[in-house]
Amino acid sequence: APAEGLPFEEFALVSEYEADGEPVCLFRTGLAPDSPETTLVEHGARPHELRAGDGAATVIAELGSDAPVREFVELFRDRHPGASLAAQRTHHRSEPSTAQQRASATEALTDRQLEAIRTAYFSGFFDRPRKHTGTEIADAMGISQPTFSHHLREAQRRLCAVLFEAEQLPDRRGD
């Protein structure tokens, strides 16, 4: 159960790991519908940090480059009258190209994992209904179905890690 006063209806530890030598904990939360954090998320902001103590809370969040900041701040203050904007910074970031994003994702995979997920995708494995089963795809790749499933699941896990930055990936030669 979440601590009293926090904006969560649910709060559970998902995983613990190290990043850059520092311990990191990943939590799954369910935000209370009237919390400031819910307002942020519902209007396209990405909360990065939440600090609470001594009856006050600080939230560091990021709005998209095309977001109307002034309108967002007014809406936020309307919903949360005690809130104030402590600082506003504009950061210019270059968005990675599609090719850079694809390269980043595929670099996380071994050759066999990439082959398994690519073959599954183009064979209709993820379609509903499936066009080909895991056994059929494994046979086409010349491997057993459990080996195919292992490569596919590991590829999915690693792609999710890249997408969500949830963990540091082992060296791609590790599988």
N, C-alpha and C. Protein backbone atom coordinates (compact mmCIF):
# COMPACT_ATOMS: atom_id res chain seq x y z
N ALA A 1 0.85 -1.19 0.00
CA ALA A 1 0.00 0.00 0.00
C ALA A 1 0.88 1.24 0.00
N PRO A 2 0.48 2.25 -0.73
CA PRO A 2 1.28 3.47 -0.79
C PRO A 2 1.24 4.22 0.53
N ALA A 3 2.26 5.02 0.76
CA ALA A 3 2.32 5.84 1.96
C ALA A 3 1.25 6.92 1.88
N GLU A 4 0.72 7.28 3.04
CA GLU A 4 -0.32 8.30 3.09
C GLU A 4 0.20 9.62 2.54
N GLY A 5 -0.63 10.29 1.77
CA GLY A 5 -0.26 11.58 1.21
C GLY A 5 0.37 11.50 -0.17
N LEU A 6 0.77 10.31 -0.61
CA LEU A 6 1.32 10.18 -1.96
C LEU A 6 0.17 10.04 -2.96
N PRO A 7 0.38 10.45 -4.21
CA PRO A 7 -0.70 10.48 -5.19
C PRO A 7 -0.99 9.13 -5.85
N PHE A 8 -0.66 8.04 -5.19
CA PHE A 8 -0.79 6.73 -5.81
C PHE A 8 -1.90 5.90 -5.18
N GLU A 9 -2.62 5.18 -6.03
CA GLU A 9 -3.58 4.20 -5.54
C GLU A 9 -2.90 2.84 -5.42
N GLU A 10 -1.82 2.67 -6.16
CA GLU A 10 -1.06 1.42 -6.17
C GLU A 10 0.42 1.81 -6.24
N PHE A 11 1.26 1.02 -5.58
CA PHE A 11 2.69 1.31 -5.57
C PHE A 11 3.41 0.00 -5.30
N ALA A 12 4.09 -0.57 -6.31
CA ALA A 12 4.73 -1.87 -6.14
C ALA A 12 6.11 -1.88 -6.80
N LEU A 13 7.07 -2.49 -6.12
CA LEU A 13 8.41 -2.63 -6.66
C LEU A 13 8.38 -3.67 -7.78
N VAL A 14 8.90 -3.31 -8.96
CA VAL A 14 8.94 -4.22 -10.10
C VAL A 14 10.32 -4.86 -10.22
N SER A 15 11.38 -4.04 -10.16
CA SER A 15 12.73 -4.59 -10.27
C SER A 15 13.75 -3.65 -9.65
N GLU A 16 14.89 -4.23 -9.33
CA GLU A 16 16.03 -3.48 -8.81
C GLU A 16 17.24 -3.85 -9.66
N TYR A 17 18.05 -2.86 -10.02
CA TYR A 17 19.25 -3.11 -10.80
C TYR A 17 20.22 -1.96 -10.59
N GLU A 18 21.40 -2.05 -11.17
CA GLU A 18 22.39 -0.98 -11.08
C GLU A 18 22.56 -0.33 -12.43
N ALA A 19 22.69 0.99 -12.43
CA ALA A 19 22.98 1.76 -13.64
C ALA A 19 24.08 2.74 -13.29
N ASP A 20 25.16 2.69 -14.00
CA ASP A 20 26.31 3.56 -13.74
C ASP A 20 26.78 3.45 -12.29
N GLY A 21 26.74 2.23 -11.75
CA GLY A 21 27.20 1.99 -10.39
C GLY A 21 26.25 2.42 -9.30
N GLU A 22 25.08 2.93 -9.67
CA GLU A 22 24.10 3.40 -8.70
C GLU A 22 22.91 2.44 -8.65
N PRO A 23 22.37 2.16 -7.46
CA PRO A 23 21.19 1.31 -7.39
C PRO A 23 19.97 2.04 -7.95
N VAL A 24 19.16 1.32 -8.70
CA VAL A 24 17.95 1.87 -9.30
C VAL A 24 16.80 0.94 -8.97
N CYS A 25 15.68 1.50 -8.57
CA CYS A 25 14.47 0.73 -8.32
C CYS A 25 13.40 1.18 -9.30
N LEU A 26 12.73 0.23 -9.92
CA LEU A 26 11.65 0.52 -10.85
C LEU A 26 10.34 0.12 -10.16
N PHE A 27 9.40 1.09 -10.07
CA PHE A 27 8.12 0.85 -9.41
C PHE A 27 6.98 0.93 -10.42
N ARG A 28 5.95 0.15 -10.18
CA ARG A 28 4.70 0.27 -10.93
C ARG A 28 3.75 1.05 -10.03
N THR A 29 3.16 2.08 -10.59
CA THR A 29 2.25 2.90 -9.80
C THR A 29 0.93 3.07 -10.51
N GLY A 30 -0.09 3.24 -9.75
CA GLY A 30 -1.40 3.63 -10.27
C GLY A 30 -1.72 4.97 -9.65
N LEU A 31 -1.78 5.99 -10.47
CA LEU A 31 -1.99 7.35 -9.95
C LEU A 31 -3.44 7.57 -9.54
N ALA A 32 -3.61 8.32 -8.48
CA ALA A 32 -4.95 8.74 -8.06
C ALA A 32 -5.49 9.70 -9.12
N PRO A 33 -6.79 9.61 -9.45
CA PRO A 33 -7.34 10.40 -10.54
C PRO A 33 -7.24 11.91 -10.36
N ASP A 34 -7.18 12.39 -9.13
CA ASP A 34 -7.13 13.84 -8.90
C ASP A 34 -5.73 14.34 -8.56
N SER A 35 -4.72 13.52 -8.76
CA SER A 35 -3.35 13.92 -8.41
C SER A 35 -2.74 14.84 -9.46
N PRO A 36 -1.79 15.66 -9.05
CA PRO A 36 -1.07 16.51 -10.01
C PRO A 36 -0.38 15.67 -11.09
N GLU A 37 0.13 14.51 -10.71
CA GLU A 37 0.82 13.67 -11.67
C GLU A 37 -0.13 13.17 -12.75
N THR A 38 -1.38 12.86 -12.37
CA THR A 38 -2.37 12.44 -13.36
C THR A 38 -2.65 13.58 -14.33
N THR A 39 -2.75 14.80 -13.82
CA THR A 39 -2.96 15.96 -14.69
C THR A 39 -1.82 16.08 -15.69
N LEU A 40 -0.59 15.90 -15.22
CA LEU A 40 0.57 15.97 -16.11
C LEU A 40 0.45 14.94 -17.23
N VAL A 41 0.24 13.70 -16.85
CA VAL A 41 0.21 12.61 -17.83
C VAL A 41 -0.95 12.76 -18.80
N GLU A 42 -2.13 13.14 -18.28
CA GLU A 42 -3.31 13.29 -19.15
C GLU A 42 -3.13 14.38 -20.20
N HIS A 43 -2.22 15.30 -19.96
CA HIS A 43 -2.03 16.42 -20.90
C HIS A 43 -0.67 16.37 -21.60
N GLY A 44 -0.12 15.17 -21.68
CA GLY A 44 1.06 14.95 -22.50
C GLY A 44 2.40 15.26 -21.87
N ALA A 45 2.43 15.58 -20.59
CA ALA A 45 3.71 15.84 -19.94
C ALA A 45 4.32 14.52 -19.48
N ARG A 46 5.62 14.47 -19.40
CA ARG A 46 6.32 13.28 -18.91
C ARG A 46 7.00 13.62 -17.59
N PRO A 47 6.44 13.16 -16.46
CA PRO A 47 7.09 13.40 -15.17
C PRO A 47 8.43 12.65 -15.12
N HIS A 48 9.48 13.34 -14.68
CA HIS A 48 10.79 12.72 -14.56
C HIS A 48 11.18 12.46 -13.12
N GLU A 49 10.71 13.32 -12.23
CA GLU A 49 11.13 13.21 -10.84
C GLU A 49 10.02 13.72 -9.94
N LEU A 50 9.83 13.04 -8.82
CA LEU A 50 8.85 13.46 -7.82
C LEU A 50 9.55 13.44 -6.47
N ARG A 51 9.53 14.59 -5.80
CA ARG A 51 10.10 14.69 -4.45
C ARG A 51 9.01 15.23 -3.54
N ALA A 52 8.86 14.61 -2.39
CA ALA A 52 7.85 15.08 -1.45
C ALA A 52 8.44 15.10 -0.05
N GLY A 53 8.02 16.08 0.73
CA GLY A 53 8.46 16.17 2.11
C GLY A 53 8.10 17.51 2.70
N ASP A 54 7.91 17.55 4.00
CA ASP A 54 7.59 18.78 4.73
C ASP A 54 6.35 19.48 4.16
N GLY A 55 5.37 18.70 3.74
CA GLY A 55 4.11 19.28 3.26
C GLY A 55 4.16 19.88 1.87
N ALA A 56 5.24 19.66 1.15
CA ALA A 56 5.35 20.20 -0.21
C ALA A 56 5.85 19.11 -1.15
N ALA A 57 5.54 19.28 -2.41
CA ALA A 57 6.00 18.33 -3.42
C ALA A 57 6.59 19.10 -4.59
N THR A 58 7.60 18.52 -5.18
CA THR A 58 8.22 19.08 -6.37
C THR A 58 8.15 18.04 -7.46
N VAL A 59 7.65 18.44 -8.61
CA VAL A 59 7.56 17.55 -9.75
C VAL A 59 8.36 18.17 -10.89
N ILE A 60 9.26 17.40 -11.45
CA ILE A 60 9.99 17.83 -12.64
C ILE A 60 9.40 17.06 -13.81
N ALA A 61 8.90 17.81 -14.79
CA ALA A 61 8.23 17.18 -15.92
C ALA A 61 8.67 17.84 -17.22
N GLU A 62 8.44 17.14 -18.30
CA GLU A 62 8.81 17.63 -19.62
C GLU A 62 7.57 17.66 -20.51
N LEU A 63 7.40 18.79 -21.19
CA LEU A 63 6.34 18.92 -22.18
C LEU A 63 6.96 18.78 -23.56
N GLY A 64 6.17 18.32 -24.52
CA GLY A 64 6.65 18.23 -25.89
C GLY A 64 6.97 19.60 -26.45
N SER A 65 7.78 19.62 -27.49
CA SER A 65 8.23 20.90 -28.06
C SER A 65 7.08 21.71 -28.65
N ASP A 66 5.99 21.06 -29.03
CA ASP A 66 4.86 21.78 -29.61
C ASP A 66 3.75 22.07 -28.60
N ALA A 67 3.98 21.76 -27.34
CA ALA A 67 2.96 21.96 -26.31
C ALA A 67 2.84 23.44 -25.95
N PRO A 68 1.59 23.93 -25.80
CA PRO A 68 1.38 25.32 -25.37
C PRO A 68 1.62 25.43 -23.86
N VAL A 69 2.81 25.84 -23.48
CA VAL A 69 3.23 25.84 -22.07
C VAL A 69 2.34 26.73 -21.22
N ARG A 70 2.06 27.93 -21.67
CA ARG A 70 1.25 28.87 -20.88
C ARG A 70 -0.14 28.26 -20.59
N GLU A 71 -0.77 27.69 -21.61
CA GLU A 71 -2.09 27.06 -21.42
C GLU A 71 -1.99 25.90 -20.44
N PHE A 72 -0.93 25.11 -20.56
CA PHE A 72 -0.76 23.98 -19.67
C PHE A 72 -0.62 24.44 -18.22
N VAL A 73 0.19 25.46 -17.98
CA VAL A 73 0.40 25.98 -16.62
C VAL A 73 -0.92 26.50 -16.05
N GLU A 74 -1.71 27.22 -16.85
CA GLU A 74 -3.00 27.73 -16.39
C GLU A 74 -3.94 26.58 -16.03
N LEU A 75 -4.01 25.57 -16.89
CA LEU A 75 -4.86 24.41 -16.62
C LEU A 75 -4.41 23.71 -15.34
N PHE A 76 -3.11 23.55 -15.17
CA PHE A 76 -2.58 22.89 -13.99
C PHE A 76 -2.94 23.66 -12.73
N ARG A 77 -2.78 24.97 -12.77
CA ARG A 77 -3.12 25.79 -11.59
C ARG A 77 -4.61 25.77 -11.29
N ASP A 78 -5.45 25.71 -12.33
CA ASP A 78 -6.90 25.61 -12.12
C ASP A 78 -7.24 24.33 -11.37
N ARG A 79 -6.61 23.23 -11.74
CA ARG A 79 -6.91 21.94 -11.11
C ARG A 79 -6.24 21.78 -9.75
N HIS A 80 -5.12 22.47 -9.56
CA HIS A 80 -4.35 22.34 -8.32
C HIS A 80 -3.98 23.74 -7.84
N PRO A 81 -4.93 24.42 -7.16
CA PRO A 81 -4.77 25.83 -6.81
C PRO A 81 -3.53 26.17 -6.00
N GLY A 82 -3.00 25.27 -5.24
CA GLY A 82 -1.81 25.57 -4.44
C GLY A 82 -0.50 25.44 -5.21
N ALA A 83 -0.58 25.04 -6.47
CA ALA A 83 0.63 24.80 -7.26
C ALA A 83 1.22 26.09 -7.79
N SER A 84 2.53 26.08 -7.94
CA SER A 84 3.21 27.22 -8.56
C SER A 84 4.30 26.69 -9.48
N LEU A 85 4.62 27.47 -10.49
CA LEU A 85 5.69 27.12 -11.42
C LEU A 85 6.98 27.71 -10.87
N ALA A 86 7.90 26.84 -10.47
CA ALA A 86 9.16 27.30 -9.88
C ALA A 86 10.18 27.66 -10.95
N ALA A 87 10.18 26.94 -12.05
CA ALA A 87 11.15 27.22 -13.11
C ALA A 87 10.65 26.64 -14.42
N GLN A 88 11.05 27.28 -15.48
CA GLN A 88 10.72 26.78 -16.82
C GLN A 88 11.99 26.90 -17.66
N ARG A 89 12.34 25.80 -18.29
CA ARG A 89 13.53 25.80 -19.15
C ARG A 89 13.15 25.26 -20.52
N THR A 90 13.79 25.80 -21.52
CA THR A 90 13.59 25.31 -22.88
C THR A 90 14.85 24.57 -23.31
N HIS A 91 14.66 23.33 -23.70
CA HIS A 91 15.77 22.52 -24.18
C HIS A 91 15.52 22.20 -25.64
N HIS A 92 16.54 22.36 -26.44
CA HIS A 92 16.43 21.98 -27.85
C HIS A 92 17.15 20.66 -28.02
N ARG A 93 16.37 19.68 -28.43
CA ARG A 93 16.94 18.35 -28.63
C ARG A 93 16.76 17.95 -30.08
N SER A 94 17.78 17.34 -30.59
CA SER A 94 17.62 16.83 -31.95
C SER A 94 17.05 15.42 -31.83
N GLU A 95 15.98 15.19 -32.52
CA GLU A 95 15.34 13.89 -32.50
C GLU A 95 16.14 12.92 -33.36
N PRO A 96 16.38 11.71 -32.87
CA PRO A 96 17.11 10.75 -33.68
C PRO A 96 16.29 10.37 -34.92
N SER A 97 16.98 10.13 -36.00
CA SER A 97 16.30 9.74 -37.23
C SER A 97 15.73 8.33 -37.08
N THR A 98 14.84 7.97 -37.96
CA THR A 98 14.27 6.62 -37.94
C THR A 98 15.37 5.59 -38.08
N ALA A 99 16.34 5.86 -38.95
CA ALA A 99 17.45 4.92 -39.14
C ALA A 99 18.27 4.79 -37.85
N GLN A 100 18.49 5.90 -37.13
CA GLN A 100 19.24 5.85 -35.88
C GLN A 100 18.46 5.07 -34.82
N GLN A 101 17.14 5.27 -34.77
CA GLN A 101 16.32 4.54 -33.81
C GLN A 101 16.34 3.05 -34.12
N ARG A 102 16.23 2.70 -35.39
CA ARG A 102 16.25 1.29 -35.79
C ARG A 102 17.60 0.67 -35.44
N ALA A 103 18.69 1.38 -35.72
CA ALA A 103 20.02 0.86 -35.41
C ALA A 103 20.20 0.66 -33.91
N SER A 104 19.72 1.60 -33.12
CA SER A 104 19.82 1.49 -31.67
C SER A 104 19.08 0.26 -31.17
N ALA A 105 17.90 0.01 -31.71
CA ALA A 105 17.11 -1.14 -31.29
C ALA A 105 17.77 -2.45 -31.71
N THR A 106 18.22 -2.52 -32.95
CA THR A 106 18.79 -3.79 -33.42
C THR A 106 20.16 -4.07 -32.82
N GLU A 107 20.88 -3.05 -32.40
CA GLU A 107 22.18 -3.27 -31.75
C GLU A 107 22.03 -4.02 -30.43
N ALA A 108 20.86 -3.96 -29.83
CA ALA A 108 20.62 -4.64 -28.56
C ALA A 108 20.42 -6.14 -28.74
N LEU A 109 20.25 -6.59 -29.98
CA LEU A 109 19.92 -7.98 -30.26
C LEU A 109 21.10 -8.75 -30.83
N THR A 110 21.15 -10.04 -30.53
CA THR A 110 22.10 -10.91 -31.22
C THR A 110 21.57 -11.15 -32.63
N ASP A 111 22.42 -11.67 -33.49
CA ASP A 111 21.99 -11.96 -34.86
C ASP A 111 20.82 -12.94 -34.86
N ARG A 112 20.88 -13.95 -34.00
CA ARG A 112 19.82 -14.97 -33.96
C ARG A 112 18.51 -14.38 -33.42
N GLN A 113 18.59 -13.51 -32.42
CA GLN A 113 17.38 -12.86 -31.90
C GLN A 113 16.75 -11.98 -32.96
N LEU A 114 17.57 -11.23 -33.68
CA LEU A 114 17.06 -10.38 -34.76
C LEU A 114 16.41 -11.23 -35.84
N GLU A 115 17.05 -12.34 -36.19
CA GLU A 115 16.47 -13.23 -37.20
C GLU A 115 15.13 -13.79 -36.72
N ALA A 116 15.07 -14.19 -35.45
CA ALA A 116 13.83 -14.78 -34.92
C ALA A 116 12.69 -13.76 -34.93
N ILE A 117 12.94 -12.56 -34.46
CA ILE A 117 11.84 -11.58 -34.38
C ILE A 117 11.47 -11.06 -35.77
N ARG A 118 12.45 -10.88 -36.64
CA ARG A 118 12.16 -10.43 -38.00
C ARG A 118 11.36 -11.51 -38.75
N THR A 119 11.78 -12.77 -38.63
CA THR A 119 11.07 -13.87 -39.30
C THR A 119 9.66 -14.00 -38.75
N ALA A 120 9.52 -13.89 -37.44
CA ALA A 120 8.19 -13.97 -36.83
C ALA A 120 7.29 -12.85 -37.36
N TYR A 121 7.83 -11.65 -37.42
CA TYR A 121 7.04 -10.50 -37.87
C TYR A 121 6.58 -10.68 -39.31
N PHE A 122 7.52 -10.98 -40.20
CA PHE A 122 7.17 -11.08 -41.62
C PHE A 122 6.43 -12.37 -41.96
N SER A 123 6.42 -13.34 -41.05
CA SER A 123 5.67 -14.57 -41.27
C SER A 123 4.25 -14.49 -40.73
N GLY A 124 3.88 -13.37 -40.14
CA GLY A 124 2.53 -13.21 -39.61
C GLY A 124 2.32 -13.83 -38.24
N PHE A 125 3.41 -14.08 -37.51
CA PHE A 125 3.30 -14.69 -36.19
C PHE A 125 2.53 -13.80 -35.22
N PHE A 126 2.66 -12.48 -35.37
CA PHE A 126 2.00 -11.55 -34.45
C PHE A 126 0.61 -11.15 -34.92
N ASP A 127 0.19 -11.61 -36.10
CA ASP A 127 -1.15 -11.31 -36.61
C ASP A 127 -2.19 -12.11 -35.84
N ARG A 128 -3.42 -11.63 -35.85
CA ARG A 128 -4.54 -12.38 -35.28
C ARG A 128 -5.55 -12.62 -36.37
N PRO A 129 -5.87 -13.80 -36.75
CA PRO A 129 -5.21 -15.03 -36.30
C PRO A 129 -3.81 -15.15 -36.88
N ARG A 130 -3.00 -15.96 -36.23
CA ARG A 130 -1.62 -16.16 -36.68
C ARG A 130 -1.61 -16.82 -38.06
N LYS A 131 -0.70 -16.32 -38.90
CA LYS A 131 -0.55 -16.94 -40.22
C LYS A 131 0.37 -18.15 -40.15
N HIS A 132 1.33 -18.11 -39.21
CA HIS A 132 2.25 -19.24 -39.01
C HIS A 132 2.50 -19.39 -37.52
N THR A 133 2.65 -20.63 -37.07
CA THR A 133 2.91 -20.91 -35.66
C THR A 133 4.39 -20.81 -35.36
N GLY A 134 4.71 -20.81 -34.08
CA GLY A 134 6.10 -20.81 -33.66
C GLY A 134 6.84 -22.05 -34.14
N THR A 135 6.15 -23.18 -34.16
CA THR A 135 6.76 -24.42 -34.64
C THR A 135 7.11 -24.32 -36.11
N GLU A 136 6.20 -23.75 -36.92
CA GLU A 136 6.46 -23.59 -38.35
C GLU A 136 7.64 -22.65 -38.60
N ILE A 137 7.70 -21.58 -37.85
CA ILE A 137 8.80 -20.62 -38.02
C ILE A 137 10.11 -21.25 -37.57
N ALA A 138 10.08 -21.97 -36.45
CA ALA A 138 11.29 -22.65 -35.96
C ALA A 138 11.80 -23.64 -37.01
N ASP A 139 10.89 -24.41 -37.60
CA ASP A 139 11.28 -25.36 -38.65
C ASP A 139 11.94 -24.63 -39.82
N ALA A 140 11.37 -23.50 -40.23
CA ALA A 140 11.92 -22.74 -41.35
C ALA A 140 13.32 -22.20 -41.01
N MET A 141 13.55 -21.91 -39.73
CA MET A 141 14.86 -21.40 -39.30
C MET A 141 15.85 -22.53 -39.01
N GLY A 142 15.35 -23.78 -38.98
CA GLY A 142 16.22 -24.91 -38.71
C GLY A 142 16.58 -25.06 -37.24
N ILE A 143 15.68 -24.61 -36.36
CA ILE A 143 15.91 -24.73 -34.92
C ILE A 143 14.66 -25.32 -34.27
N SER A 144 14.78 -25.72 -33.00
CA SER A 144 13.63 -26.27 -32.30
C SER A 144 12.67 -25.15 -31.90
N GLN A 145 11.43 -25.52 -31.64
CA GLN A 145 10.44 -24.52 -31.23
C GLN A 145 10.81 -23.87 -29.90
N PRO A 146 11.30 -24.63 -28.89
CA PRO A 146 11.71 -23.97 -27.64
C PRO A 146 12.87 -22.98 -27.85
N THR A 147 13.80 -23.31 -28.75
CA THR A 147 14.91 -22.39 -29.03
C THR A 147 14.39 -21.13 -29.72
N PHE A 148 13.47 -21.30 -30.67
CA PHE A 148 12.86 -20.15 -31.32
C PHE A 148 12.16 -19.27 -30.28
N SER A 149 11.38 -19.90 -29.41
CA SER A 149 10.66 -19.15 -28.38
C SER A 149 11.62 -18.39 -27.47
N HIS A 150 12.73 -19.02 -27.13
CA HIS A 150 13.74 -18.36 -26.28
C HIS A 150 14.30 -17.12 -26.99
N HIS A 151 14.71 -17.28 -28.25
CA HIS A 151 15.26 -16.14 -29.00
C HIS A 151 14.22 -15.03 -29.15
N LEU A 152 12.98 -15.40 -29.44
CA LEU A 152 11.92 -14.42 -29.65
C LEU A 152 11.63 -13.65 -28.36
N ARG A 153 11.49 -14.36 -27.25
CA ARG A 153 11.19 -13.70 -25.97
C ARG A 153 12.34 -12.79 -25.53
N GLU A 154 13.57 -13.25 -25.73
CA GLU A 154 14.72 -12.42 -25.36
C GLU A 154 14.78 -11.18 -26.24
N ALA A 155 14.47 -11.33 -27.53
CA ALA A 155 14.44 -10.17 -28.43
C ALA A 155 13.37 -9.18 -27.97
N GLN A 156 12.19 -9.69 -27.62
CA GLN A 156 11.12 -8.81 -27.15
C GLN A 156 11.52 -8.10 -25.86
N ARG A 157 12.15 -8.82 -24.94
CA ARG A 157 12.58 -8.22 -23.67
C ARG A 157 13.59 -7.12 -23.92
N ARG A 158 14.56 -7.38 -24.78
CA ARG A 158 15.60 -6.40 -25.05
C ARG A 158 15.04 -5.17 -25.78
N LEU A 159 14.13 -5.38 -26.71
CA LEU A 159 13.52 -4.24 -27.40
C LEU A 159 12.69 -3.40 -26.43
N CYS A 160 12.00 -4.06 -25.51
CA CYS A 160 11.25 -3.31 -24.48
C CYS A 160 12.21 -2.53 -23.59
N ALA A 161 13.34 -3.11 -23.26
CA ALA A 161 14.33 -2.41 -22.43
C ALA A 161 14.85 -1.17 -23.15
N VAL A 162 15.11 -1.29 -24.45
CA VAL A 162 15.55 -0.13 -25.23
C VAL A 162 14.45 0.92 -25.24
N LEU A 163 13.22 0.50 -25.48
CA LEU A 163 12.09 1.41 -25.56
C LEU A 163 11.83 2.12 -24.24
N PHE A 164 11.85 1.38 -23.16
CA PHE A 164 11.48 1.94 -21.86
C PHE A 164 12.69 2.28 -21.00
N GLU A 165 13.89 2.00 -21.46
CA GLU A 165 15.12 2.26 -20.71
C GLU A 165 15.01 1.70 -19.30
N ALA A 166 14.48 0.48 -19.20
CA ALA A 166 14.20 -0.11 -17.90
C ALA A 166 15.40 -0.81 -17.28
N GLU A 167 16.38 -1.14 -18.08
CA GLU A 167 17.52 -1.85 -17.52
C GLU A 167 18.70 -1.74 -18.47
N GLN A 168 19.85 -2.00 -17.95
CA GLN A 168 21.02 -2.03 -18.82
C GLN A 168 21.08 -3.40 -19.46
N LEU A 169 21.35 -3.41 -20.73
CA LEU A 169 21.39 -4.66 -21.46
C LEU A 169 22.78 -5.27 -21.39
N PRO A 170 22.85 -6.61 -21.32
CA PRO A 170 24.15 -7.25 -21.38
C PRO A 170 24.73 -7.11 -22.79
N ASP A 171 26.00 -7.38 -22.90
CA ASP A 171 26.65 -7.35 -24.20
C ASP A 171 25.88 -8.23 -25.17
N ARG A 172 25.72 -7.79 -26.41
CA ARG A 172 24.89 -8.52 -27.38
C ARG A 172 25.43 -9.90 -27.70
N ARG A 173 26.67 -10.18 -27.37
CA ARG A 173 27.21 -11.52 -27.60
C ARG A 173 26.82 -12.46 -26.47
N GLY A 174 26.06 -11.97 -25.47
CA GLY A 174 25.72 -12.76 -24.30
C GLY A 174 24.70 -13.84 -24.53
N ASP A 175 24.15 -13.98 -25.74
CA ASP A 175 23.14 -15.02 -25.97
C ASP A 175 23.37 -15.67 -27.30
